[in-house]
Structures are given as C-alpha cells and as structure tokens.
Amino acid sequence: MENYINQFIHYLTVEKGLAKNTQESYRRDLTSYNQYLVEVGIQELNNTTRLHIVDYLMRLKELGRATTTLSRNLASIRSFYQFLLREKWIEKDPSSNVESPKIDKKLPQVLTVKEVESLLNSPEIHHPFGIRDKAMLELLYATGIRVSELVSLNVSDINLNMGFLKCFGKGKKERMVPIGQFAIDHLANYIERSRMYIKRHANEEALFLNYHGKRLTRQGFWKIIKKYSELAHINKEITPHTLRHSFATHLLENGADLRSVQEMLGHSDISTTQIYTHVTRTRIKEVYAKAHPRA
C-alpha cells in the first residue's frame, strides 16, 4: 500500500497542485490507516470493506481524536480510494457509503476594531524589522489573505499603483485582491526604506524577508504575531488566521455582500464564508444584551 500512497501523493502534487502541508496531511492520514489495515490482517486493498473504515474511525474516536480529525481522515481515505478506482487498481470504493461525522462548527476567534488597531500599532516603525512587521500586519488585515499566501508573496505580486496584489490560494488558484490605502502606504515604506537593508541577495524575489535575508516562514510569522498580541495586551487566543477572520467579519458588519467577501478570501464554496454571518449575528446579540435596558 505504501507504493499506492506514494502514487497518490504524486498525483496530488502534479495533477492537483496541492500545497506541501496538505500533501503531508494526506500522507499522515493514509499511513495511519495503512497501519490499521496491517494490524487487522488486510494485505490487499480490494479486500477492505465499509466496516473496516468505520472500525478505523471508531478507533480514532476511542483514542480521543476530535470530530474534525475523524472527518479529515475519512476525506483522505475517500480521495485515496477514488484515485485508486479511477486508475483501475481496485474494483470498488468501500468508502462510498461511509457517513461523515457531524461536526459542530466552532465560530472563529475575531478581534474588535479597537483590538485590531492596538495590534497594528504595536510594531516600532523606527527600524527595518518593525517597518516590515507593520507592513505585514496591515496587509493581512487589509486583504484577508492566508498567512501561507502572505509569506509566498514576491515583490512582483504587488501593484501599489493599482492597489492590488496577486496571490495563489489552495490548489494554486490565482486571485487578485484589493489593498487599502493604509496597507499601500506601509508596504511602500517597507519596500523603499527597509527591505533593501534586510535582503542579502540582489536577486531575492520574496517580499517579506527574515533576519537571514531569506523568505519569511509561516513559523516565523507565528512568533511575530504572538509577540505583538502580547505587546497589545490582547487577552484572546490569537493565531495567524485571526486577522483573516477579523477582516471578513468587519467587512460583513459594515455591509459588504457575502459573494464579494467569498471572492476576496478565495473560498471555493460560499458555505465556508457563511460562518462569518453567524459571527456577526452573535456579536449583534452581545451588543444588544449589553446596551438594551430590558434585554
């Protein structure tokens, strides 16, 4: 089965163009599933049944795995079997009638406008890396792009005159996203006053650079946003996605239509974007409860 998994990962890379993190997630899920099949004595994939998959998911549940983890594992297994069936390496897809676990959608953590302002004003803009950090935070909140998209940006992907950036989301899907004036100003300041001092190589294409003059990583940005959330005294659990969630919620609260927000976020399915309408309704209820004398 390891050979089949390798073939599948190659297909995800070449045909689907999925990000390396996504590929590794599939590989982990399928390697774990393979270990289970070995334990129960299954040597041929054609011998797996719906009951094997259900039993495997029940084992994960007994180990305390979250419903989201079970759902992701089933999605990985389904995609794998569909690939094998298409290639005619198996005769039937045993996962076709396995029901997905019901997931309680957790509302994303969102900052208030005041908290966002505190976070964005935290970097010291008197030295190159403070200027860089300010530009990154402003850009994230201005565009709602993913952190993986942020750190993948090249200088050539930014058009400050037109006020747009080009980025590649999931599945290498390209989209154009508008940039607000605050972010444009701070990006221009970073490119003109800071980036030239940080970069080590004249032909470096990456927009945001680390202390070694190379492309900043997601892990590097994680440390940066943690640092500034502490400096801003924000008592919420902040992740690299928090500004993305806040961007979408604040747009909808101020009258933006759902389709436009979907387009800017790069969601293929509008149901993914709709979770932010639940967030805005929850916040409206909170405001009502605090402000109405007979709430």
Foldseek 3Di string as FASTA:
>chain_A
DVVLLVVLLVCCCPVQVFDPVVSVLLVVLVVLLVVQCVVVPNDAPQPDALVSLVVSLVVCVVVVDDLVSSQVSLVSLQSSQVVCVVVVVYPDRRSPPPDRDDDDDDQDDEDDPVLLVLLLPQQDCPAQVSLLLNLLSLQCLQQLEAVQFLLPDFPVQDDLVVQWGWTQDGSRRIAITGGDPVSSVSLVCNVVPHLVVQADDPPAGTSRADNNNHGQDLVNVQVVSVVSSVSSVPPDDDGSNRSSLNSLLVCVLVPDDQVVNCRSHVPPDSVVSCSSVVVNVVVVVVCCVVPPPVD
